[in-house]
N, C-alpha and C. Protein backbone atom coordinates (compact mmCIF):
# COMPACT_ATOMS: atom_id res chain seq x y z
N MET A 1 0.85 -1.18 0.00
CA MET A 1 0.00 0.00 0.00
C MET A 1 0.89 1.24 0.00
N TYR A 2 0.59 2.19 -0.85
CA TYR A 2 1.37 3.42 -0.98
C TYR A 2 0.63 4.57 -0.31
N LEU A 3 1.25 5.20 0.66
CA LEU A 3 0.67 6.36 1.33
C LEU A 3 1.45 7.59 0.94
N ASP A 4 0.75 8.65 0.62
CA ASP A 4 1.39 9.89 0.19
C ASP A 4 1.27 10.92 1.30
N ILE A 5 2.35 11.59 1.63
CA ILE A 5 2.34 12.64 2.64
C ILE A 5 1.93 13.94 1.96
N GLN A 6 0.92 14.60 2.48
CA GLN A 6 0.48 15.89 1.96
C GLN A 6 0.69 16.96 3.02
N LEU A 7 1.32 18.05 2.67
CA LEU A 7 1.58 19.16 3.60
C LEU A 7 0.94 20.42 3.04
N SER A 8 0.52 21.28 3.94
CA SER A 8 0.01 22.59 3.54
C SER A 8 0.51 23.60 4.56
N PHE A 9 1.16 24.66 4.10
CA PHE A 9 1.66 25.67 5.02
C PHE A 9 1.74 27.02 4.32
N THR A 10 1.80 28.06 5.15
CA THR A 10 1.88 29.43 4.66
C THR A 10 3.19 30.02 5.15
N GLY A 11 3.90 30.71 4.27
CA GLY A 11 5.16 31.33 4.67
C GLY A 11 5.54 32.45 3.73
N ARG A 12 6.50 33.23 4.17
CA ARG A 12 7.01 34.36 3.39
C ARG A 12 8.31 33.92 2.72
N ILE A 13 8.48 34.28 1.45
CA ILE A 13 9.71 33.94 0.73
C ILE A 13 10.84 34.78 1.30
N LYS A 14 11.81 34.12 1.92
CA LYS A 14 12.88 34.79 2.66
C LYS A 14 13.94 35.41 1.75
N TYR A 15 14.42 34.65 0.79
CA TYR A 15 15.49 35.11 -0.11
C TYR A 15 14.96 35.11 -1.54
N ALA A 16 15.67 35.75 -2.43
CA ALA A 16 15.27 35.75 -3.84
C ALA A 16 15.22 34.30 -4.35
N PRO A 17 14.09 33.88 -4.92
CA PRO A 17 13.98 32.50 -5.42
C PRO A 17 14.97 32.25 -6.56
N ARG A 18 15.35 30.98 -6.70
CA ARG A 18 16.26 30.58 -7.77
C ARG A 18 15.48 29.86 -8.85
N PHE A 19 15.83 30.10 -10.10
CA PHE A 19 15.17 29.45 -11.23
C PHE A 19 16.23 28.88 -12.15
N PHE A 20 16.03 27.63 -12.54
CA PHE A 20 16.94 26.96 -13.46
C PHE A 20 16.11 26.56 -14.68
N PRO A 21 16.36 27.19 -15.85
CA PRO A 21 15.55 26.88 -17.03
C PRO A 21 15.79 25.46 -17.55
N VAL A 22 14.94 25.07 -18.45
CA VAL A 22 15.04 23.74 -19.06
C VAL A 22 16.38 23.60 -19.78
N ASP A 23 17.02 22.47 -19.61
CA ASP A 23 18.17 22.15 -20.45
C ASP A 23 17.92 20.78 -21.06
N HIS A 24 18.85 20.27 -21.82
CA HIS A 24 18.61 19.02 -22.55
C HIS A 24 18.50 17.80 -21.64
N GLU A 25 18.88 17.91 -20.37
CA GLU A 25 18.84 16.75 -19.46
C GLU A 25 17.81 16.87 -18.34
N ALA A 26 17.32 18.08 -18.07
CA ALA A 26 16.46 18.26 -16.90
C ALA A 26 15.35 19.26 -17.18
N PRO A 27 14.21 19.10 -16.49
CA PRO A 27 13.14 20.08 -16.65
C PRO A 27 13.47 21.37 -15.89
N ALA A 28 12.67 22.39 -16.10
CA ALA A 28 12.85 23.65 -15.37
C ALA A 28 12.66 23.39 -13.88
N MET A 29 13.38 24.15 -13.04
CA MET A 29 13.26 23.98 -11.59
C MET A 29 13.22 25.35 -10.92
N TRP A 30 12.34 25.52 -9.95
CA TRP A 30 12.24 26.75 -9.16
C TRP A 30 12.40 26.37 -7.70
N SER A 31 13.18 27.16 -6.97
CA SER A 31 13.45 26.85 -5.57
C SER A 31 13.39 28.14 -4.76
N ALA A 32 12.74 28.07 -3.60
CA ALA A 32 12.66 29.23 -2.70
C ALA A 32 12.69 28.75 -1.26
N VAL A 33 13.25 29.56 -0.38
CA VAL A 33 13.25 29.27 1.05
C VAL A 33 12.13 30.08 1.69
N LEU A 34 11.21 29.37 2.35
CA LEU A 34 10.10 30.03 3.02
C LEU A 34 10.36 30.12 4.51
N GLU A 35 10.01 31.25 5.08
CA GLU A 35 10.11 31.48 6.51
C GLU A 35 8.71 31.22 7.08
N VAL A 36 8.60 30.18 7.91
CA VAL A 36 7.31 29.74 8.43
C VAL A 36 7.33 29.86 9.95
N ASN A 37 6.32 30.52 10.51
CA ASN A 37 6.23 30.64 11.96
C ASN A 37 5.56 29.41 12.54
N GLY A 38 6.17 28.85 13.58
CA GLY A 38 5.61 27.68 14.25
C GLY A 38 4.60 28.08 15.31
N PRO A 39 4.05 27.11 16.01
CA PRO A 39 3.09 27.43 17.07
C PRO A 39 3.79 28.05 18.28
N PRO A 40 3.09 28.91 19.04
CA PRO A 40 3.70 29.49 20.24
C PRO A 40 4.16 28.40 21.20
N THR A 41 5.35 28.57 21.74
CA THR A 41 5.98 27.60 22.63
C THR A 41 6.44 28.35 23.88
N PRO A 42 6.35 27.73 25.07
CA PRO A 42 6.88 28.41 26.25
C PRO A 42 8.39 28.61 26.12
N GLY A 43 8.84 29.85 26.36
CA GLY A 43 10.27 30.16 26.30
C GLY A 43 10.97 29.81 27.60
N ARG A 44 12.26 30.07 27.66
CA ARG A 44 13.04 29.74 28.86
C ARG A 44 12.60 30.53 30.07
N ASN A 45 12.16 31.78 29.84
CA ASN A 45 11.73 32.61 30.96
C ASN A 45 10.21 32.56 31.17
N GLY A 46 9.52 31.67 30.51
CA GLY A 46 8.08 31.53 30.68
C GLY A 46 7.26 32.32 29.68
N GLU A 47 7.88 33.28 29.00
CA GLU A 47 7.17 34.06 27.99
C GLU A 47 6.95 33.21 26.74
N PRO A 48 5.83 33.43 26.04
CA PRO A 48 5.63 32.66 24.80
C PRO A 48 6.69 33.02 23.75
N TYR A 49 7.10 32.01 23.03
CA TYR A 49 8.12 32.14 22.01
C TYR A 49 7.56 31.52 20.73
N ILE A 50 7.65 32.24 19.62
CA ILE A 50 7.15 31.71 18.35
C ILE A 50 8.37 31.36 17.50
N PRO A 51 8.65 30.07 17.35
CA PRO A 51 9.83 29.67 16.57
C PRO A 51 9.61 29.90 15.08
N THR A 52 10.68 30.22 14.39
CA THR A 52 10.64 30.38 12.94
C THR A 52 11.37 29.22 12.31
N ARG A 53 10.75 28.59 11.35
CA ARG A 53 11.34 27.47 10.64
C ARG A 53 11.55 27.87 9.19
N TYR A 54 12.55 27.28 8.56
CA TYR A 54 12.84 27.54 7.16
C TYR A 54 12.61 26.27 6.37
N ILE A 55 11.82 26.38 5.32
CA ILE A 55 11.47 25.24 4.48
C ILE A 55 11.84 25.58 3.05
N GLU A 56 12.60 24.70 2.42
CA GLU A 56 12.94 24.89 1.01
C GLU A 56 11.84 24.27 0.16
N VAL A 57 11.26 25.06 -0.72
CA VAL A 57 10.18 24.61 -1.60
C VAL A 57 10.74 24.51 -3.00
N VAL A 58 10.53 23.36 -3.63
CA VAL A 58 11.03 23.12 -4.98
C VAL A 58 9.87 22.67 -5.85
N THR A 59 9.82 23.16 -7.07
CA THR A 59 8.83 22.67 -8.03
C THR A 59 9.49 22.57 -9.40
N TYR A 60 8.94 21.73 -10.26
CA TYR A 60 9.56 21.42 -11.55
C TYR A 60 8.61 21.65 -12.71
N GLY A 61 9.17 21.72 -13.91
CA GLY A 61 8.39 21.77 -15.14
C GLY A 61 7.67 23.10 -15.33
N LEU A 62 6.45 23.02 -15.87
CA LEU A 62 5.65 24.21 -16.14
C LEU A 62 5.33 24.97 -14.86
N ALA A 63 5.11 24.25 -13.76
CA ALA A 63 4.84 24.90 -12.48
C ALA A 63 6.03 25.75 -12.05
N ALA A 64 7.24 25.32 -12.36
CA ALA A 64 8.45 26.10 -12.04
C ALA A 64 8.49 27.38 -12.85
N THR A 65 8.15 27.30 -14.11
CA THR A 65 8.14 28.48 -14.96
C THR A 65 7.10 29.48 -14.47
N ARG A 66 5.90 28.99 -14.13
CA ARG A 66 4.84 29.87 -13.60
C ARG A 66 5.25 30.49 -12.27
N ALA A 67 5.89 29.72 -11.41
CA ALA A 67 6.34 30.25 -10.11
C ALA A 67 7.39 31.33 -10.33
N HIS A 68 8.30 31.12 -11.27
CA HIS A 68 9.34 32.10 -11.57
C HIS A 68 8.72 33.41 -12.06
N GLU A 69 7.67 33.32 -12.86
CA GLU A 69 7.00 34.51 -13.38
C GLU A 69 6.16 35.22 -12.32
N SER A 70 5.72 34.49 -11.30
CA SER A 70 4.72 35.02 -10.38
C SER A 70 5.20 35.46 -9.01
N TYR A 71 6.22 34.82 -8.45
CA TYR A 71 6.56 35.06 -7.05
C TYR A 71 7.97 35.62 -6.90
N GLN A 72 8.11 36.47 -5.90
CA GLN A 72 9.41 37.07 -5.63
C GLN A 72 9.63 37.16 -4.12
N GLN A 73 10.78 37.65 -3.74
CA GLN A 73 11.14 37.75 -2.32
C GLN A 73 10.10 38.58 -1.58
N ASN A 74 9.78 38.17 -0.36
CA ASN A 74 8.82 38.78 0.56
C ASN A 74 7.36 38.52 0.22
N ASP A 75 7.04 37.78 -0.84
CA ASP A 75 5.65 37.41 -1.10
C ASP A 75 5.21 36.40 -0.05
N LEU A 76 3.97 36.53 0.40
CA LEU A 76 3.38 35.57 1.32
C LEU A 76 2.64 34.54 0.47
N VAL A 77 3.05 33.28 0.55
CA VAL A 77 2.46 32.24 -0.30
C VAL A 77 1.94 31.09 0.55
N ILE A 78 0.98 30.40 0.00
CA ILE A 78 0.49 29.17 0.61
C ILE A 78 0.93 28.04 -0.32
N VAL A 79 1.44 26.97 0.27
CA VAL A 79 2.04 25.88 -0.50
C VAL A 79 1.37 24.56 -0.11
N GLN A 80 1.02 23.77 -1.10
CA GLN A 80 0.63 22.38 -0.88
C GLN A 80 1.78 21.57 -1.44
N ALA A 81 2.25 20.63 -0.65
CA ALA A 81 3.47 19.93 -1.04
C ALA A 81 3.42 18.47 -0.64
N THR A 82 4.40 17.75 -1.13
CA THR A 82 4.56 16.34 -0.83
C THR A 82 6.06 16.05 -0.74
N ASP A 83 6.42 14.86 -0.41
CA ASP A 83 7.82 14.40 -0.41
C ASP A 83 8.71 15.22 0.51
N LEU A 84 8.45 15.14 1.80
CA LEU A 84 9.23 15.83 2.83
C LEU A 84 10.61 15.17 2.96
N THR A 85 11.67 15.95 2.77
CA THR A 85 13.03 15.42 2.82
C THR A 85 13.89 16.26 3.76
N PRO A 86 14.34 15.69 4.89
CA PRO A 86 15.24 16.46 5.76
C PRO A 86 16.68 16.39 5.24
N ARG A 87 17.43 17.45 5.49
CA ARG A 87 18.81 17.51 5.04
C ARG A 87 19.61 18.24 6.11
N THR A 88 20.76 17.73 6.48
CA THR A 88 21.61 18.40 7.45
C THR A 88 22.97 18.69 6.83
N TYR A 89 23.60 19.73 7.31
CA TYR A 89 24.93 20.08 6.84
C TYR A 89 25.64 20.88 7.93
N GLU A 90 26.96 20.96 7.80
CA GLU A 90 27.75 21.74 8.76
C GLU A 90 28.06 23.10 8.17
N GLY A 91 27.93 24.11 9.00
CA GLY A 91 28.25 25.47 8.60
C GLY A 91 28.98 26.16 9.74
N LYS A 92 29.19 27.43 9.59
CA LYS A 92 29.84 28.20 10.65
C LYS A 92 28.82 29.18 11.23
N GLY A 93 28.80 29.28 12.55
CA GLY A 93 27.92 30.20 13.24
C GLY A 93 28.50 31.60 13.24
N PRO A 94 27.79 32.56 13.85
CA PRO A 94 28.27 33.94 13.90
C PRO A 94 29.61 34.08 14.62
N ASP A 95 29.88 33.15 15.54
CA ASP A 95 31.14 33.22 16.27
C ASP A 95 32.28 32.47 15.58
N GLY A 96 32.01 31.88 14.41
CA GLY A 96 33.04 31.18 13.66
C GLY A 96 33.17 29.70 13.99
N LYS A 97 32.40 29.21 14.96
CA LYS A 97 32.47 27.79 15.33
C LYS A 97 31.58 26.96 14.41
N LYS A 98 31.90 25.66 14.32
CA LYS A 98 31.10 24.76 13.50
C LYS A 98 29.71 24.60 14.12
N VAL A 99 28.71 24.65 13.25
CA VAL A 99 27.32 24.50 13.67
C VAL A 99 26.65 23.52 12.72
N THR A 100 25.88 22.58 13.26
CA THR A 100 25.11 21.67 12.42
C THR A 100 23.76 22.31 12.16
N ARG A 101 23.40 22.43 10.91
CA ARG A 101 22.14 23.05 10.51
C ARG A 101 21.26 22.01 9.81
N ALA A 102 19.97 22.28 9.82
CA ALA A 102 19.02 21.38 9.18
C ALA A 102 18.08 22.17 8.29
N VAL A 103 17.71 21.60 7.17
CA VAL A 103 16.76 22.19 6.23
C VAL A 103 15.75 21.11 5.87
N ILE A 104 14.50 21.51 5.74
CA ILE A 104 13.47 20.58 5.27
C ILE A 104 13.13 21.00 3.85
N LYS A 105 13.16 20.05 2.93
CA LYS A 105 12.85 20.32 1.52
C LYS A 105 11.56 19.61 1.17
N VAL A 106 10.67 20.31 0.45
CA VAL A 106 9.42 19.70 -0.01
C VAL A 106 9.27 19.96 -1.50
N ILE A 107 8.53 19.09 -2.17
CA ILE A 107 8.21 19.26 -3.59
C ILE A 107 6.80 19.84 -3.65
N ALA A 108 6.66 21.05 -4.18
CA ALA A 108 5.36 21.72 -4.23
C ALA A 108 4.49 21.14 -5.32
N THR A 109 3.23 20.90 -4.98
CA THR A 109 2.24 20.49 -5.98
C THR A 109 1.35 21.67 -6.36
N ALA A 110 1.26 22.68 -5.46
CA ALA A 110 0.49 23.90 -5.74
C ALA A 110 1.06 25.04 -4.91
N ILE A 111 1.20 26.20 -5.54
CA ILE A 111 1.69 27.41 -4.86
C ILE A 111 0.76 28.55 -5.25
N GLY A 112 0.38 29.37 -4.27
CA GLY A 112 -0.47 30.52 -4.57
C GLY A 112 -0.23 31.65 -3.60
N LEU A 113 -0.53 32.87 -4.02
CA LEU A 113 -0.42 34.00 -3.12
C LEU A 113 -1.46 33.87 -2.01
N CYS A 114 -1.08 34.25 -0.82
CA CYS A 114 -1.96 34.13 0.34
C CYS A 114 -2.55 35.50 0.67
N SER A 115 -3.84 35.55 0.90
CA SER A 115 -4.49 36.82 1.23
C SER A 115 -4.85 36.90 2.71
N ARG A 116 -4.20 36.12 3.55
CA ARG A 116 -4.53 36.11 4.97
C ARG A 116 -4.19 37.45 5.64
N TYR A 117 -3.04 38.00 5.33
CA TYR A 117 -2.61 39.24 5.97
C TYR A 117 -2.58 40.44 5.02
N THR A 118 -2.51 40.19 3.73
CA THR A 118 -2.46 41.28 2.76
C THR A 118 -3.36 40.94 1.58
N ALA A 119 -3.84 41.97 0.91
CA ALA A 119 -4.68 41.75 -0.27
C ALA A 119 -3.82 41.25 -1.42
N VAL A 120 -4.35 40.34 -2.19
CA VAL A 120 -3.65 39.84 -3.37
C VAL A 120 -3.94 40.80 -4.50
N ALA A 121 -2.90 41.37 -5.09
CA ALA A 121 -3.09 42.41 -6.10
C ALA A 121 -2.38 42.13 -7.41
N LYS A 122 -1.75 40.98 -7.58
CA LYS A 122 -1.04 40.69 -8.82
C LYS A 122 -2.03 40.24 -9.88
N ALA A 123 -1.85 40.70 -11.09
CA ALA A 123 -2.71 40.29 -12.19
C ALA A 123 -1.96 40.49 -13.50
N SER A 124 -2.34 39.73 -14.51
CA SER A 124 -1.79 39.94 -15.84
C SER A 124 -2.93 40.45 -16.70
N GLY A 125 -2.64 41.31 -17.62
CA GLY A 125 -3.69 41.87 -18.46
C GLY A 125 -4.17 43.20 -17.91
N SER A 126 -5.20 43.74 -18.51
CA SER A 126 -5.64 45.07 -18.15
C SER A 126 -6.79 45.10 -17.15
N ARG A 127 -7.42 43.98 -16.88
CA ARG A 127 -8.53 44.02 -15.94
C ARG A 127 -8.43 42.87 -14.94
N GLN A 128 -8.99 43.10 -13.78
CA GLN A 128 -9.04 42.06 -12.75
C GLN A 128 -10.20 41.11 -13.09
N PRO A 129 -10.01 39.81 -12.92
CA PRO A 129 -11.13 38.89 -13.15
C PRO A 129 -12.19 39.08 -12.08
N THR A 130 -13.45 38.95 -12.48
CA THR A 130 -14.52 39.07 -11.50
C THR A 130 -14.74 37.72 -10.83
N PRO A 131 -14.92 37.72 -9.51
CA PRO A 131 -15.14 36.44 -8.83
C PRO A 131 -16.48 35.84 -9.23
N SER A 132 -16.51 34.56 -9.32
CA SER A 132 -17.73 33.87 -9.71
C SER A 132 -18.08 32.82 -8.67
N PRO A 133 -19.33 32.80 -8.19
CA PRO A 133 -19.71 31.76 -7.23
C PRO A 133 -19.62 30.36 -7.84
N ARG A 134 -19.79 30.26 -9.17
CA ARG A 134 -19.67 28.95 -9.82
C ARG A 134 -18.25 28.42 -9.69
N LEU A 135 -17.25 29.31 -9.84
CA LEU A 135 -15.87 28.87 -9.73
C LEU A 135 -15.54 28.51 -8.29
N ALA A 136 -16.13 29.21 -7.34
CA ALA A 136 -15.89 28.90 -5.93
C ALA A 136 -16.43 27.52 -5.59
N GLN A 137 -17.43 27.08 -6.30
CA GLN A 137 -18.01 25.77 -6.04
C GLN A 137 -17.33 24.68 -6.86
N GLY A 138 -16.36 25.05 -7.67
CA GLY A 138 -15.61 24.05 -8.42
C GLY A 138 -16.12 23.80 -9.81
N ALA A 139 -17.05 24.61 -10.29
CA ALA A 139 -17.58 24.42 -11.64
C ALA A 139 -16.59 24.95 -12.67
N SER A 140 -16.73 24.53 -13.88
CA SER A 140 -15.85 24.96 -14.95
C SER A 140 -16.13 26.41 -15.33
N ALA A 141 -15.09 27.11 -15.75
CA ALA A 141 -15.25 28.51 -16.18
C ALA A 141 -15.77 28.60 -17.61
N ILE A 142 -15.76 27.49 -18.32
CA ILE A 142 -16.21 27.49 -19.71
C ILE A 142 -17.72 27.38 -19.74
N VAL A 143 -18.35 28.33 -20.38
CA VAL A 143 -19.81 28.34 -20.48
C VAL A 143 -20.15 28.19 -21.94
N ALA A 144 -20.93 27.17 -22.27
CA ALA A 144 -21.34 26.96 -23.64
C ALA A 144 -22.40 27.98 -24.02
N GLU A 145 -22.29 28.55 -25.22
CA GLU A 145 -23.29 29.51 -25.65
C GLU A 145 -24.56 28.77 -26.02
N ARG A 146 -25.67 29.37 -25.61
CA ARG A 146 -26.96 28.77 -25.92
C ARG A 146 -27.44 29.28 -27.27
N PRO A 147 -28.07 28.42 -28.04
CA PRO A 147 -28.58 28.90 -29.33
C PRO A 147 -29.73 29.89 -29.07
N ALA A 148 -29.90 30.85 -30.00
CA ALA A 148 -30.98 31.83 -29.89
C ALA A 148 -32.32 31.11 -29.96
N ALA A 149 -33.27 31.58 -29.18
CA ALA A 149 -34.60 30.95 -29.16
C ALA A 149 -35.32 31.28 -30.46
N VAL A 150 -35.99 30.28 -30.99
CA VAL A 150 -36.75 30.46 -32.21
C VAL A 150 -38.14 30.94 -31.85
N ALA A 151 -38.61 32.05 -32.44
CA ALA A 151 -39.92 32.60 -32.08
C ALA A 151 -41.03 31.95 -32.85
């Protein structure tokens, strides 16, 4: 039996995203590090502490091209992802000593701007699309034209 891990989280793009265009051996790839706030946790002095986690989001193919065209540093995005992969490496801390760091990498299946804290204002073209209750219910945006009634 195959079980798939599905994740959904909201975060701000911390650094400028990286984009690697299609080459003869690999599809396009887009990668960004998201800054995600964790749940409030009791701190050492008893005050609530909200930890910040960093998650690397990667997507491939046409979704990578669309992400490259749409998102930039400091955008607040919501991500649906799969394939959680932890990765550790050694680096140097601010004091110059060796520090072991960890990164969580996920493969995004869907990325979108989040309107939880700010209004979504990005659009292509000259007009904003009008919201439709049919689309909110999952119906198709394609409407077949009805033939004119015969009198």
